[in-house]
Amino acid sequence: MKAKHKAKINARNKREAEQARRVVNGIFIGLIAMVVIFICIYYYFFN
């Protein structure tokens, strides 16, 4: 019973770590996209 419980905990921790990685990657991709958009807007309006 104890080994089964440890396996469930390890599986949950693995899922949580994978989800956290996806969130961080999404935030970085979003920030990069915003920078590109702001650069395009800057050059469109000020050049």
Protein backbone atom coordinates (compact mmCIF):
# COMPACT_ATOMS: atom_id res chain seq x y z
CA MET A 1 0.00 0.00 0.00
CA LYS A 2 2.79 2.40 0.83
CA ALA A 3 4.57 1.83 -2.51
CA LYS A 4 1.32 2.52 -4.36
CA HIS A 5 0.88 5.78 -2.45
CA LYS A 6 4.46 6.85 -3.24
CA ALA A 7 3.89 6.08 -6.92
CA LYS A 8 0.79 8.29 -6.94
CA ILE A 9 2.68 11.12 -5.26
CA ASN A 10 5.56 10.82 -7.74
CA ALA A 11 3.15 10.81 -10.69
CA ARG A 12 1.38 13.91 -9.35
CA ASN A 13 4.68 15.72 -8.81
CA LYS A 14 5.75 14.88 -12.35
CA ARG A 15 2.47 16.24 -13.78
CA GLU A 16 2.77 19.42 -11.72
CA ALA A 17 6.35 19.99 -12.85
CA GLU A 18 5.37 19.52 -16.49
CA GLN A 19 2.47 21.94 -16.12
CA ALA A 20 4.72 24.53 -14.46
CA ARG A 21 7.18 24.24 -17.36
CA ARG A 22 4.37 24.82 -19.85
CA VAL A 23 3.19 27.90 -17.96
CA VAL A 24 6.70 29.38 -17.84
CA ASN A 25 7.24 28.67 -21.54
CA GLY A 26 3.89 30.27 -22.36
CA ILE A 27 4.78 33.38 -20.40
CA PHE A 28 8.13 33.74 -22.19
CA ILE A 29 6.56 33.20 -25.61
CA GLY A 30 3.89 35.78 -24.76
CA LEU A 31 6.51 38.32 -23.67
CA ILE A 32 8.56 37.79 -26.82
CA ALA A 33 5.44 38.20 -28.96
CA MET A 34 4.56 41.43 -27.16
CA VAL A 35 8.07 42.82 -27.72
CA VAL A 36 7.87 42.02 -31.43
CA ILE A 37 4.44 43.65 -31.69
CA PHE A 38 5.60 46.78 -29.85
CA ILE A 39 8.68 47.06 -32.08
CA CYS A 40 6.50 46.79 -35.18
CA ILE A 41 4.10 49.42 -33.85
CA TYR A 42 7.00 51.73 -32.93
CA TYR A 43 8.53 51.54 -36.40
CA TYR A 44 5.12 51.93 -38.07
CA PHE A 45 4.20 55.10 -36.20
CA PHE A 46 7.59 56.75 -35.68
CA ASN A 47 9.34 56.13 -39.01
